[in-house]
Amino acid sequence: MDIFMDSLLRRAPGYLPEHLQLVIIPMAIAILISLPAGIIVTRPGYRRYAEKVMALFNTAQTIPPLAVIAIFFPFLGLGYGPAILALTIYALLPIARNTIAAISSVPEDVKEAARGMGMTPKEVLFHVELPLSVPVIMAGIKTSAVLTVSTAVLAALVGGKGMGAVIFAGINFFRPELILAGTIYIGMMAVILERLISLAEYMLVPAHIK
């Protein structure tokens, strides 16, 4: 058993690609859902739906990931499928919330000035509102990414593997070094992702706003 545990400890870095997959895929899906949804409900004709959309995302955030897996188990079984679904649902709220808050906080006089220059509503959105909203939107994506990195540990309970396999092996066999190793790697991944998103934010923010 000690030989197996030592081998698992040495192979711990090999679980990083699996864990990264459990983060990147749900985050990509969550951005594709939350960002457009947040933009749409800030448009004049759809603002009345903002509270309903946020209530839906808030409800999704309150459902524990393992409960989502249990609900969809008859359809998806165990493994990566239900784990990615649960993590995607859990990642929606911070992105949608920050997108709506960021666009809604753009000063009305700035938008009015843009319209006075002859910009269409679409141009105002893409050339004024979204550029000014990038820092807040990216902050929501950072929050969602860090939450997903930590929550992805639970995927190991349903066959999703990742660094959770190392941590839960340490818990089951009373090997604190495995728990520590898994925790350190997850912490490093969260910090690196946060830095990468910050770099993307710097590149997306227009020079005059910087």
N, C-alpha and C. Protein backbone atom coordinates (compact mmCIF):
# COMPACT_ATOMS: atom_id res chain seq x y z
N MET A 1 0.83 -1.20 0.00
CA MET A 1 0.00 0.00 0.00
C MET A 1 0.86 1.26 0.00
N ASP A 2 1.94 1.23 0.79
CA ASP A 2 2.84 2.39 0.83
C ASP A 2 3.47 2.63 -0.54
N ILE A 3 3.81 1.53 -1.23
CA ILE A 3 4.40 1.67 -2.56
C ILE A 3 3.40 2.33 -3.51
N PHE A 4 2.14 1.90 -3.40
CA PHE A 4 1.09 2.48 -4.26
C PHE A 4 0.90 3.96 -3.96
N MET A 5 0.89 4.33 -2.68
CA MET A 5 0.70 5.72 -2.30
C MET A 5 1.87 6.58 -2.77
N ASP A 6 3.09 6.05 -2.62
CA ASP A 6 4.27 6.79 -3.08
C ASP A 6 4.23 6.97 -4.59
N SER A 7 3.78 5.94 -5.29
CA SER A 7 3.65 6.05 -6.74
C SER A 7 2.61 7.10 -7.13
N LEU A 8 1.50 7.12 -6.40
CA LEU A 8 0.46 8.11 -6.67
C LEU A 8 0.97 9.52 -6.42
N LEU A 9 1.79 9.67 -5.38
CA LEU A 9 2.35 10.99 -5.08
C LEU A 9 3.26 11.46 -6.20
N ARG A 10 4.06 10.52 -6.73
CA ARG A 10 4.97 10.88 -7.83
C ARG A 10 4.19 11.20 -9.11
N ARG A 11 3.04 10.55 -9.28
CA ARG A 11 2.25 10.76 -10.49
C ARG A 11 1.26 11.91 -10.36
N ALA A 12 1.26 12.58 -9.21
CA ALA A 12 0.28 13.66 -8.97
C ALA A 12 0.30 14.73 -10.07
N PRO A 13 1.48 15.20 -10.53
CA PRO A 13 1.45 16.22 -11.60
C PRO A 13 0.77 15.74 -12.88
N GLY A 14 0.73 14.42 -13.09
CA GLY A 14 0.08 13.88 -14.27
C GLY A 14 -1.43 14.08 -14.27
N TYR A 15 -2.01 14.39 -13.09
CA TYR A 15 -3.44 14.63 -13.01
C TYR A 15 -3.81 16.07 -13.36
N LEU A 16 -2.79 16.93 -13.51
CA LEU A 16 -3.06 18.33 -13.81
C LEU A 16 -3.78 18.54 -15.15
N PRO A 17 -3.36 17.86 -16.24
CA PRO A 17 -4.10 18.05 -17.50
C PRO A 17 -5.58 17.67 -17.38
N GLU A 18 -5.88 16.59 -16.65
CA GLU A 18 -7.27 16.19 -16.46
C GLU A 18 -8.03 17.27 -15.68
N HIS A 19 -7.37 17.82 -14.65
CA HIS A 19 -8.03 18.85 -13.85
C HIS A 19 -8.22 20.12 -14.67
N LEU A 20 -7.23 20.45 -15.49
CA LEU A 20 -7.34 21.63 -16.34
C LEU A 20 -8.49 21.48 -17.34
N GLN A 21 -8.67 20.27 -17.83
CA GLN A 21 -9.78 20.00 -18.75
C GLN A 21 -11.12 20.21 -18.04
N LEU A 22 -11.18 19.83 -16.79
CA LEU A 22 -12.41 20.00 -16.01
C LEU A 22 -12.68 21.47 -15.68
N VAL A 23 -11.70 22.33 -15.90
CA VAL A 23 -11.86 23.76 -15.66
C VAL A 23 -12.13 24.51 -16.97
N ILE A 24 -11.31 24.23 -17.99
CA ILE A 24 -11.39 24.99 -19.24
C ILE A 24 -12.72 24.77 -19.96
N ILE A 25 -13.14 23.50 -20.05
CA ILE A 25 -14.38 23.22 -20.80
C ILE A 25 -15.60 23.86 -20.14
N PRO A 26 -15.83 23.67 -18.83
CA PRO A 26 -16.98 24.35 -18.22
C PRO A 26 -16.90 25.87 -18.30
N MET A 27 -15.68 26.43 -18.16
CA MET A 27 -15.53 27.87 -18.23
C MET A 27 -15.88 28.39 -19.62
N ALA A 28 -15.43 27.68 -20.65
CA ALA A 28 -15.73 28.10 -22.02
C ALA A 28 -17.24 28.08 -22.28
N ILE A 29 -17.89 27.02 -21.83
CA ILE A 29 -19.35 26.91 -22.02
C ILE A 29 -20.07 28.00 -21.22
N ALA A 30 -19.62 28.23 -19.98
CA ALA A 30 -20.27 29.24 -19.13
C ALA A 30 -20.13 30.63 -19.73
N ILE A 31 -18.97 30.95 -20.30
CA ILE A 31 -18.77 32.26 -20.93
C ILE A 31 -19.69 32.40 -22.14
N LEU A 32 -19.80 31.33 -22.93
CA LEU A 32 -20.65 31.37 -24.12
C LEU A 32 -22.13 31.54 -23.77
N ILE A 33 -22.51 31.13 -22.57
CA ILE A 33 -23.91 31.28 -22.13
C ILE A 33 -24.11 32.60 -21.40
N SER A 34 -23.28 32.87 -20.41
CA SER A 34 -23.50 34.00 -19.51
C SER A 34 -23.22 35.35 -20.16
N LEU A 35 -22.16 35.43 -20.96
CA LEU A 35 -21.80 36.73 -21.55
C LEU A 35 -22.88 37.23 -22.50
N PRO A 36 -23.33 36.42 -23.47
CA PRO A 36 -24.43 36.90 -24.33
C PRO A 36 -25.71 37.17 -23.55
N ALA A 37 -26.02 36.31 -22.57
CA ALA A 37 -27.23 36.52 -21.78
C ALA A 37 -27.17 37.85 -21.03
N GLY A 38 -25.99 38.15 -20.45
CA GLY A 38 -25.83 39.40 -19.73
C GLY A 38 -25.95 40.61 -20.64
N ILE A 39 -25.41 40.49 -21.85
CA ILE A 39 -25.50 41.60 -22.80
C ILE A 39 -26.95 41.81 -23.25
N ILE A 40 -27.64 40.72 -23.56
CA ILE A 40 -29.01 40.83 -24.08
C ILE A 40 -29.93 41.51 -23.09
N VAL A 41 -29.84 41.15 -21.81
CA VAL A 41 -30.79 41.72 -20.85
C VAL A 41 -30.45 43.16 -20.46
N THR A 42 -29.34 43.69 -20.99
CA THR A 42 -29.05 45.11 -20.77
C THR A 42 -29.55 45.96 -21.93
N ARG A 43 -30.07 45.31 -22.98
CA ARG A 43 -30.62 46.06 -24.12
C ARG A 43 -32.00 46.60 -23.73
N PRO A 44 -32.36 47.77 -24.24
CA PRO A 44 -33.62 48.42 -23.83
C PRO A 44 -34.85 47.52 -23.93
N GLY A 45 -34.95 46.72 -24.97
CA GLY A 45 -36.14 45.91 -25.14
C GLY A 45 -36.20 44.67 -24.27
N TYR A 46 -35.11 44.35 -23.57
CA TYR A 46 -35.05 43.10 -22.81
C TYR A 46 -34.71 43.32 -21.33
N ARG A 47 -34.63 44.56 -20.90
CA ARG A 47 -34.24 44.82 -19.51
C ARG A 47 -35.23 44.25 -18.50
N ARG A 48 -36.47 44.10 -18.92
CA ARG A 48 -37.47 43.56 -17.99
C ARG A 48 -37.21 42.10 -17.64
N TYR A 49 -36.36 41.45 -18.43
CA TYR A 49 -36.06 40.04 -18.16
C TYR A 49 -34.81 39.88 -17.28
N ALA A 50 -34.15 40.97 -16.94
CA ALA A 50 -32.87 40.88 -16.21
C ALA A 50 -33.05 40.18 -14.86
N GLU A 51 -34.09 40.55 -14.12
CA GLU A 51 -34.30 39.94 -12.80
C GLU A 51 -34.58 38.45 -12.91
N LYS A 52 -35.35 38.05 -13.93
CA LYS A 52 -35.66 36.64 -14.10
C LYS A 52 -34.42 35.85 -14.47
N VAL A 53 -33.60 36.41 -15.34
CA VAL A 53 -32.36 35.73 -15.74
C VAL A 53 -31.43 35.58 -14.54
N MET A 54 -31.29 36.65 -13.76
CA MET A 54 -30.42 36.58 -12.59
C MET A 54 -30.97 35.62 -11.54
N ALA A 55 -32.30 35.57 -11.41
CA ALA A 55 -32.90 34.61 -10.47
C ALA A 55 -32.59 33.18 -10.90
N LEU A 56 -32.60 32.94 -12.21
CA LEU A 56 -32.27 31.61 -12.72
C LEU A 56 -30.82 31.25 -12.42
N PHE A 57 -29.91 32.18 -12.67
CA PHE A 57 -28.49 31.92 -12.41
C PHE A 57 -28.21 31.79 -10.91
N ASN A 58 -28.90 32.59 -10.11
CA ASN A 58 -28.73 32.48 -8.65
C ASN A 58 -29.20 31.12 -8.15
N THR A 59 -30.30 30.64 -8.70
CA THR A 59 -30.81 29.32 -8.32
C THR A 59 -29.82 28.24 -8.70
N ALA A 60 -29.26 28.36 -9.90
CA ALA A 60 -28.27 27.38 -10.35
C ALA A 60 -27.06 27.36 -9.43
N GLN A 61 -26.67 28.54 -8.92
CA GLN A 61 -25.49 28.63 -8.05
C GLN A 61 -25.75 27.96 -6.70
N THR A 62 -27.00 27.93 -6.26
CA THR A 62 -27.30 27.36 -4.94
C THR A 62 -27.38 25.82 -4.97
N ILE A 63 -27.48 25.24 -6.16
CA ILE A 63 -27.56 23.78 -6.25
C ILE A 63 -26.17 23.18 -6.11
N PRO A 64 -25.91 22.32 -5.14
CA PRO A 64 -24.60 21.71 -5.00
C PRO A 64 -24.23 20.91 -6.25
N PRO A 65 -22.95 20.95 -6.66
CA PRO A 65 -22.54 20.20 -7.85
C PRO A 65 -22.90 18.72 -7.80
N LEU A 66 -22.76 18.11 -6.63
CA LEU A 66 -23.08 16.68 -6.53
C LEU A 66 -24.58 16.43 -6.71
N ALA A 67 -25.40 17.42 -6.32
CA ALA A 67 -26.84 17.28 -6.54
C ALA A 67 -27.17 17.33 -8.03
N VAL A 68 -26.46 18.18 -8.77
CA VAL A 68 -26.66 18.25 -10.23
C VAL A 68 -26.28 16.90 -10.86
N ILE A 69 -25.17 16.35 -10.40
CA ILE A 69 -24.73 15.06 -10.92
C ILE A 69 -25.77 13.98 -10.63
N ALA A 70 -26.34 14.02 -9.42
CA ALA A 70 -27.35 13.03 -9.05
C ALA A 70 -28.61 13.17 -9.91
N ILE A 71 -28.99 14.43 -10.21
CA ILE A 71 -30.19 14.67 -11.02
C ILE A 71 -30.02 14.12 -12.43
N PHE A 72 -28.83 14.35 -13.01
CA PHE A 72 -28.61 13.95 -14.40
C PHE A 72 -27.96 12.58 -14.54
N PHE A 73 -27.76 11.90 -13.41
CA PHE A 73 -27.13 10.57 -13.47
C PHE A 73 -27.88 9.59 -14.37
N PRO A 74 -29.23 9.54 -14.33
CA PRO A 74 -29.93 8.58 -15.20
C PRO A 74 -29.69 8.82 -16.69
N PHE A 75 -29.34 10.06 -17.05
CA PHE A 75 -29.15 10.39 -18.47
C PHE A 75 -27.69 10.36 -18.89
N LEU A 76 -26.79 10.83 -17.99
CA LEU A 76 -25.38 10.97 -18.35
C LEU A 76 -24.47 9.96 -17.68
N GLY A 77 -24.98 9.27 -16.66
CA GLY A 77 -24.13 8.32 -15.95
C GLY A 77 -23.06 9.04 -15.14
N LEU A 78 -21.92 8.38 -14.95
CA LEU A 78 -20.81 8.96 -14.20
C LEU A 78 -19.67 9.29 -15.15
N GLY A 79 -18.70 10.08 -14.66
CA GLY A 79 -17.53 10.41 -15.46
C GLY A 79 -17.47 11.89 -15.80
N TYR A 80 -16.85 12.21 -16.91
CA TYR A 80 -16.62 13.60 -17.28
C TYR A 80 -17.91 14.34 -17.62
N GLY A 81 -18.86 13.67 -18.28
CA GLY A 81 -20.08 14.34 -18.72
C GLY A 81 -20.82 15.06 -17.62
N PRO A 82 -21.29 14.34 -16.60
CA PRO A 82 -22.02 15.02 -15.52
C PRO A 82 -21.15 16.00 -14.73
N ALA A 83 -19.85 15.70 -14.61
CA ALA A 83 -18.95 16.61 -13.89
C ALA A 83 -18.85 17.95 -14.61
N ILE A 84 -18.68 17.91 -15.93
CA ILE A 84 -18.58 19.14 -16.71
C ILE A 84 -19.90 19.91 -16.67
N LEU A 85 -21.02 19.20 -16.74
CA LEU A 85 -22.33 19.86 -16.65
C LEU A 85 -22.48 20.58 -15.32
N ALA A 86 -22.16 19.90 -14.23
CA ALA A 86 -22.30 20.49 -12.90
C ALA A 86 -21.39 21.71 -12.74
N LEU A 87 -20.16 21.60 -13.22
CA LEU A 87 -19.21 22.71 -13.10
C LEU A 87 -19.62 23.89 -13.97
N THR A 88 -20.20 23.61 -15.13
CA THR A 88 -20.69 24.68 -16.00
C THR A 88 -21.80 25.46 -15.33
N ILE A 89 -22.77 24.75 -14.77
CA ILE A 89 -23.88 25.41 -14.07
C ILE A 89 -23.37 26.26 -12.92
N TYR A 90 -22.36 25.76 -12.22
CA TYR A 90 -21.81 26.46 -11.07
C TYR A 90 -21.02 27.71 -11.47
N ALA A 91 -20.55 27.74 -12.72
CA ALA A 91 -19.70 28.85 -13.18
C ALA A 91 -20.48 30.00 -13.81
N LEU A 92 -21.78 29.84 -14.00
CA LEU A 92 -22.57 30.82 -14.75
C LEU A 92 -22.74 32.16 -14.03
N LEU A 93 -23.05 32.11 -12.75
CA LEU A 93 -23.50 33.30 -12.03
C LEU A 93 -22.48 34.44 -12.01
N PRO A 94 -21.22 34.23 -11.60
CA PRO A 94 -20.31 35.38 -11.51
C PRO A 94 -20.13 36.11 -12.84
N ILE A 95 -20.11 35.37 -13.94
CA ILE A 95 -19.91 35.99 -15.25
C ILE A 95 -21.14 36.81 -15.63
N ALA A 96 -22.33 36.22 -15.49
CA ALA A 96 -23.56 36.94 -15.84
C ALA A 96 -23.75 38.16 -14.95
N ARG A 97 -23.53 38.00 -13.67
CA ARG A 97 -23.74 39.11 -12.72
C ARG A 97 -22.82 40.29 -13.05
N ASN A 98 -21.55 40.01 -13.28
CA ASN A 98 -20.61 41.09 -13.56
C ASN A 98 -20.86 41.72 -14.93
N THR A 99 -21.28 40.91 -15.90
CA THR A 99 -21.57 41.46 -17.22
C THR A 99 -22.72 42.45 -17.14
N ILE A 100 -23.79 42.08 -16.47
CA ILE A 100 -24.95 42.97 -16.33
C ILE A 100 -24.58 44.21 -15.54
N ALA A 101 -23.85 44.04 -14.43
CA ALA A 101 -23.47 45.19 -13.60
C ALA A 101 -22.55 46.13 -14.35
N ALA A 102 -21.61 45.57 -15.12
CA ALA A 102 -20.63 46.41 -15.83
C ALA A 102 -21.29 47.25 -16.91
N ILE A 103 -22.10 46.61 -17.74
CA ILE A 103 -22.73 47.34 -18.84
C ILE A 103 -23.76 48.35 -18.31
N SER A 104 -24.47 47.96 -17.27
CA SER A 104 -25.49 48.86 -16.71
C SER A 104 -24.87 50.09 -16.05
N SER A 105 -23.60 49.98 -15.64
CA SER A 105 -22.95 51.09 -14.94
C SER A 105 -22.27 52.09 -15.87
N VAL A 106 -22.28 51.83 -17.17
CA VAL A 106 -21.69 52.78 -18.12
C VAL A 106 -22.53 54.06 -18.07
N PRO A 107 -21.92 55.21 -17.83
CA PRO A 107 -22.68 56.47 -17.68
C PRO A 107 -23.55 56.75 -18.90
N GLU A 108 -24.75 57.20 -18.64
CA GLU A 108 -25.70 57.48 -19.72
C GLU A 108 -25.21 58.62 -20.61
N ASP A 109 -24.51 59.61 -20.02
CA ASP A 109 -24.04 60.72 -20.84
C ASP A 109 -22.98 60.29 -21.84
N VAL A 110 -22.21 59.25 -21.47
CA VAL A 110 -21.21 58.71 -22.40
C VAL A 110 -21.91 58.06 -23.59
N LYS A 111 -22.94 57.29 -23.31
CA LYS A 111 -23.69 56.64 -24.40
C LYS A 111 -24.42 57.69 -25.24
N GLU A 112 -24.93 58.71 -24.59
CA GLU A 112 -25.63 59.77 -25.32
C GLU A 112 -24.67 60.51 -26.24
N ALA A 113 -23.45 60.73 -25.76
CA ALA A 113 -22.46 61.40 -26.59
C ALA A 113 -22.11 60.54 -27.81
N ALA A 114 -22.02 59.23 -27.60
CA ALA A 114 -21.73 58.32 -28.72
C ALA A 114 -22.85 58.34 -29.74
N ARG A 115 -24.08 58.35 -29.25
CA ARG A 115 -25.22 58.42 -30.17
C ARG A 115 -25.25 59.76 -30.90
N GLY A 116 -24.83 60.82 -30.20
CA GLY A 116 -24.78 62.13 -30.83
C GLY A 116 -23.75 62.21 -31.95
N MET A 117 -22.74 61.34 -31.88
CA MET A 117 -21.73 61.28 -32.93
C MET A 117 -22.19 60.45 -34.12
N GLY A 118 -23.40 59.92 -34.04
CA GLY A 118 -23.94 59.16 -35.15
C GLY A 118 -23.79 57.66 -35.04
N MET A 119 -23.36 57.16 -33.87
CA MET A 119 -23.20 55.73 -33.69
C MET A 119 -24.55 55.03 -33.60
N THR A 120 -24.63 53.85 -34.18
CA THR A 120 -25.83 53.02 -34.07
C THR A 120 -25.80 52.32 -32.71
N PRO A 121 -26.95 51.78 -32.26
CA PRO A 121 -26.94 51.04 -30.99
C PRO A 121 -25.89 49.93 -30.95
N LYS A 122 -25.69 49.24 -32.08
CA LYS A 122 -24.69 48.17 -32.14
C LYS A 122 -23.29 48.74 -31.95
N GLU A 123 -23.03 49.87 -32.58
CA GLU A 123 -21.70 50.50 -32.45
C GLU A 123 -21.47 51.01 -31.04
N VAL A 124 -22.52 51.55 -30.43
CA VAL A 124 -22.40 52.01 -29.04
C VAL A 124 -22.03 50.83 -28.13
N LEU A 125 -22.66 49.69 -28.37
CA LEU A 125 -22.39 48.50 -27.56
C LEU A 125 -20.94 48.06 -27.71
N PHE A 126 -20.50 47.89 -28.95
CA PHE A 126 -19.18 47.29 -29.20
C PHE A 126 -18.01 48.28 -29.09
N HIS A 127 -18.29 49.56 -29.26
CA HIS A 127 -17.20 50.54 -29.22
C HIS A 127 -17.18 51.38 -27.96
N VAL A 128 -18.26 51.34 -27.19
CA VAL A 128 -18.31 52.15 -25.98
C VAL A 128 -18.59 51.29 -24.74
N GLU A 129 -19.75 50.62 -24.72
CA GLU A 129 -20.17 49.92 -23.51
C GLU A 129 -19.26 48.74 -23.17
N LEU A 130 -19.01 47.86 -24.14
CA LEU A 130 -18.18 46.68 -23.85
C LEU A 130 -16.74 47.05 -23.50
N PRO A 131 -16.08 47.95 -24.24
CA PRO A 131 -14.71 48.32 -23.83
C PRO A 131 -14.63 48.87 -22.42
N LEU A 132 -15.63 49.70 -22.04
CA LEU A 132 -15.62 50.24 -20.69
C LEU A 132 -15.94 49.18 -19.64
N SER A 133 -16.60 48.11 -20.06
CA SER A 133 -17.04 47.07 -19.13
C SER A 133 -16.04 45.94 -18.96
N VAL A 134 -14.99 45.91 -19.79
CA VAL A 134 -14.05 44.78 -19.77
C VAL A 134 -13.49 44.48 -18.38
N PRO A 135 -13.00 45.46 -17.62
CA PRO A 135 -12.40 45.12 -16.31
C PRO A 135 -13.36 44.39 -15.37
N VAL A 136 -14.61 44.85 -15.31
CA VAL A 136 -15.58 44.22 -14.41
C VAL A 136 -16.00 42.85 -14.92
N ILE A 137 -16.18 42.73 -16.23
CA ILE A 137 -16.54 41.43 -16.80
C ILE A 137 -15.43 40.42 -16.56
N MET A 138 -14.19 40.83 -16.76
CA MET A 138 -13.06 39.92 -16.55
C MET A 138 -12.91 39.55 -15.08
N ALA A 139 -13.29 40.45 -14.19
CA ALA A 139 -13.26 40.13 -12.76
C ALA A 139 -14.24 39.00 -12.46
N GLY A 140 -15.40 39.02 -13.12
CA GLY A 140 -16.36 37.93 -12.96
C GLY A 140 -15.82 36.61 -13.49
N ILE A 141 -15.12 36.68 -14.62
CA ILE A 141 -14.54 35.46 -15.19
C ILE A 141 -13.44 34.92 -14.27
N LYS A 142 -12.65 35.81 -13.67
CA LYS A 142 -11.62 35.36 -12.71
C LYS A 142 -12.27 34.65 -11.53
N THR A 143 -13.31 35.26 -10.97
CA THR A 143 -14.00 34.64 -9.84
C THR A 143 -14.54 33.27 -10.21
N SER A 144 -15.16 33.17 -11.37
CA SER A 144 -15.72 31.91 -11.83
C SER A 144 -14.63 30.86 -12.03
N ALA A 145 -13.50 31.28 -12.59
CA ALA A 145 -12.40 30.35 -12.85
C ALA A 145 -11.83 29.78 -11.55
N VAL A 146 -11.62 30.64 -10.57
CA VAL A 146 -11.07 30.18 -9.29
C VAL A 146 -12.05 29.24 -8.59
N LEU A 147 -13.34 29.56 -8.63
CA LEU A 147 -14.35 28.68 -8.05
C LEU A 147 -14.37 27.32 -8.76
N THR A 148 -14.24 27.34 -10.07
CA THR A 148 -14.27 26.10 -10.84
C THR A 148 -13.05 25.24 -10.55
N VAL A 149 -11.88 25.86 -10.41
CA VAL A 149 -10.66 25.11 -10.10
C VAL A 149 -10.84 24.33 -8.80
N SER A 150 -11.40 24.99 -7.79
CA SER A 150 -11.55 24.32 -6.49
C SER A 150 -12.70 23.31 -6.50
N THR A 151 -13.80 23.67 -7.14
CA THR A 151 -14.97 22.78 -7.15
C THR A 151 -14.72 21.53 -7.99
N ALA A 152 -13.84 21.63 -8.98
CA ALA A 152 -13.54 20.49 -9.85
C ALA A 152 -12.96 19.30 -9.09
N VAL A 153 -12.50 19.54 -7.87
CA VAL A 153 -12.01 18.44 -7.03
C VAL A 153 -13.10 17.39 -6.85
N LEU A 154 -14.36 17.82 -6.75
CA LEU A 154 -15.47 16.90 -6.50
C LEU A 154 -15.72 15.95 -7.67
N ALA A 155 -15.19 16.28 -8.84
CA ALA A 155 -15.40 15.42 -10.01
C ALA A 155 -14.82 14.03 -9.79
N ALA A 156 -13.81 13.93 -8.93
CA ALA A 156 -13.19 12.63 -8.67
C ALA A 156 -14.17 11.67 -8.01
N LEU A 157 -15.17 12.20 -7.33
CA LEU A 157 -16.15 11.34 -6.65
C LEU A 157 -17.06 10.61 -7.63
N VAL A 158 -17.14 11.11 -8.87
CA VAL A 158 -18.02 10.48 -9.86
C VAL A 158 -17.23 10.00 -11.07
N GLY A 159 -15.95 9.76 -10.89
CA GLY A 159 -15.13 9.23 -11.97
C GLY A 159 -14.58 10.27 -12.90
N GLY A 160 -14.63 11.56 -12.50
CA GLY A 160 -14.10 12.62 -13.34
C GLY A 160 -12.61 12.83 -13.21
N LYS A 161 -12.00 12.16 -12.25
CA LYS A 161 -10.56 12.21 -12.00
C LYS A 161 -10.11 13.63 -11.67
N GLY A 162 -8.97 14.08 -12.24
CA GLY A 162 -8.41 15.36 -11.86
C GLY A 162 -7.65 15.25 -10.55
N MET A 163 -7.25 16.39 -10.01
CA MET A 163 -6.47 16.40 -8.77
C MET A 163 -7.29 15.91 -7.59
N GLY A 164 -8.60 15.88 -7.73
CA GLY A 164 -9.43 15.34 -6.66
C GLY A 164 -9.11 13.89 -6.36
N ALA A 165 -8.65 13.13 -7.38
CA ALA A 165 -8.29 11.73 -7.15
C ALA A 165 -7.15 11.62 -6.16
N VAL A 166 -6.20 12.56 -6.26
CA VAL A 166 -5.06 12.56 -5.34
C VAL A 166 -5.50 12.96 -3.94
N ILE A 167 -6.32 14.00 -3.84
CA ILE A 167 -6.76 14.50 -2.54
C ILE A 167 -7.62 13.47 -1.82
N PHE A 168 -8.58 12.87 -2.52
CA PHE A 168 -9.46 11.90 -1.87
C PHE A 168 -8.73 10.61 -1.53
N ALA A 169 -7.69 10.27 -2.30
CA ALA A 169 -6.86 9.13 -1.92
C ALA A 169 -6.14 9.42 -0.61
N GLY A 170 -5.67 10.65 -0.47
CA GLY A 170 -5.02 11.03 0.79
C GLY A 170 -5.97 11.01 1.96
N ILE A 171 -7.23 11.42 1.73
CA ILE A 171 -8.22 11.40 2.80
C ILE A 171 -8.57 9.96 3.18
N ASN A 172 -8.79 9.11 2.17
CA ASN A 172 -9.22 7.73 2.43
C ASN A 172 -8.15 6.90 3.12
N PHE A 173 -6.89 7.17 2.79
CA PHE A 173 -5.80 6.35 3.33
C PHE A 173 -4.96 7.09 4.36
N PHE A 174 -5.50 8.25 4.83
CA PHE A 174 -4.82 9.00 5.89
C PHE A 174 -3.37 9.34 5.51
N ARG A 175 -3.21 9.87 4.30
CA ARG A 175 -1.89 10.28 3.82
C ARG A 175 -1.92 11.79 3.58
N PRO A 176 -1.55 12.57 4.59
CA PRO A 176 -1.62 14.03 4.46
C PRO A 176 -0.75 14.59 3.35
N GLU A 177 0.34 13.87 3.00
CA GLU A 177 1.21 14.38 1.94
C GLU A 177 0.48 14.43 0.59
N LEU A 178 -0.43 13.46 0.38
CA LEU A 178 -1.21 13.47 -0.85
C LEU A 178 -2.20 14.65 -0.86
N ILE A 179 -2.82 14.88 0.28
CA ILE A 179 -3.76 16.02 0.39
C ILE A 179 -3.01 17.33 0.15
N LEU A 180 -1.83 17.44 0.76
CA LEU A 180 -1.03 18.66 0.62
C LEU A 180 -0.58 18.85 -0.83
N ALA A 181 -0.13 17.77 -1.46
CA ALA A 181 0.32 17.87 -2.85
C ALA A 181 -0.82 18.31 -3.77
N GLY A 182 -1.98 17.67 -3.62
CA GLY A 182 -3.12 18.04 -4.45
C GLY A 182 -3.55 19.48 -4.23
N THR A 183 -3.54 19.91 -2.97
CA THR A 183 -3.94 21.28 -2.64
C THR A 183 -2.97 22.30 -3.23
N ILE A 184 -1.68 21.99 -3.14
CA ILE A 184 -0.66 22.92 -3.68
C ILE A 184 -0.81 23.06 -5.20
N TYR A 185 -0.99 21.94 -5.87
CA TYR A 185 -1.14 21.99 -7.33
C TYR A 185 -2.39 22.76 -7.74
N ILE A 186 -3.48 22.57 -7.01
CA ILE A 186 -4.71 23.29 -7.32
C ILE A 186 -4.53 24.78 -7.07
N GLY A 187 -3.85 25.13 -5.98
CA GLY A 187 -3.58 26.53 -5.69
C GLY A 187 -2.72 27.17 -6.77
N MET A 188 -1.70 26.44 -7.23
CA MET A 188 -0.85 26.96 -8.29
C MET A 188 -1.65 27.16 -9.58
N MET A 189 -2.53 26.22 -9.89
CA MET A 189 -3.36 26.34 -11.09
C MET A 189 -4.27 27.55 -11.01
N ALA A 190 -4.86 27.79 -9.84
CA ALA A 190 -5.75 28.94 -9.67
C ALA A 190 -5.00 30.25 -9.86
N VAL A 191 -3.80 30.33 -9.31
CA VAL A 191 -3.00 31.56 -9.44
C VAL A 191 -2.60 31.79 -10.89
N ILE A 192 -2.16 30.73 -11.57
CA ILE A 192 -1.74 30.87 -12.97
C ILE A 192 -2.92 31.28 -13.85
N LEU A 193 -4.08 30.67 -13.65
CA LEU A 193 -5.27 31.05 -14.43
C LEU A 193 -5.66 32.50 -14.18
N GLU A 194 -5.58 32.92 -12.92
CA GLU A 194 -5.92 34.30 -12.59
C GLU A 194 -4.97 35.27 -13.29
N ARG A 195 -3.70 34.92 -13.33
CA ARG A 195 -2.71 35.78 -14.02
C ARG A 195 -2.95 35.81 -15.51
N LEU A 196 -3.28 34.68 -16.10
CA LEU A 196 -3.53 34.62 -17.54
C LEU A 196 -4.77 35.43 -17.91
N ILE A 197 -5.81 35.35 -17.09
CA ILE A 197 -7.01 36.14 -17.35
C ILE A 197 -6.71 37.63 -17.19
N SER A 198 -5.88 37.98 -16.22
CA SER A 198 -5.48 39.38 -16.05
C SER A 198 -4.72 39.87 -17.28
N LEU A 199 -3.87 39.01 -17.85
CA LEU A 199 -3.15 39.37 -19.06
C LEU A 199 -4.12 39.59 -20.23
N ALA A 200 -5.12 38.69 -20.33
CA ALA A 200 -6.13 38.84 -21.38
C ALA A 200 -6.91 40.13 -21.19
N GLU A 201 -7.19 40.47 -19.94
CA GLU A 201 -7.90 41.72 -19.65
C GLU A 201 -7.08 42.92 -20.10
N TYR A 202 -5.78 42.90 -19.81
CA TYR A 202 -4.90 44.00 -20.20
C TYR A 202 -4.88 44.17 -21.71
N MET A 203 -4.91 43.05 -22.44
CA MET A 203 -4.86 43.11 -23.89
C MET A 203 -6.19 43.57 -24.48
N LEU A 204 -7.30 43.30 -23.79
CA LEU A 204 -8.61 43.65 -24.32
C LEU A 204 -9.02 45.09 -24.01
N VAL A 205 -8.49 45.65 -22.93
CA VAL A 205 -8.87 47.01 -22.56
C VAL A 205 -8.19 47.99 -23.52
N PRO A 206 -8.96 48.87 -24.15
CA PRO A 206 -8.38 49.85 -25.08
C PRO A 206 -7.34 50.73 -24.39
N ALA A 207 -6.38 51.21 -25.18
CA ALA A 207 -5.25 51.98 -24.63
C ALA A 207 -5.72 53.24 -23.91
N HIS A 208 -6.74 53.91 -24.44
CA HIS A 208 -7.16 55.16 -23.82
C HIS A 208 -7.83 54.93 -22.46
N ILE A 209 -8.37 53.71 -22.26
CA ILE A 209 -8.98 53.39 -20.96
C ILE A 209 -7.89 53.02 -19.96
N LYS A 210 -6.85 52.31 -20.43
CA LYS A 210 -5.74 51.98 -19.55
C LYS A 210 -5.12 53.22 -18.93
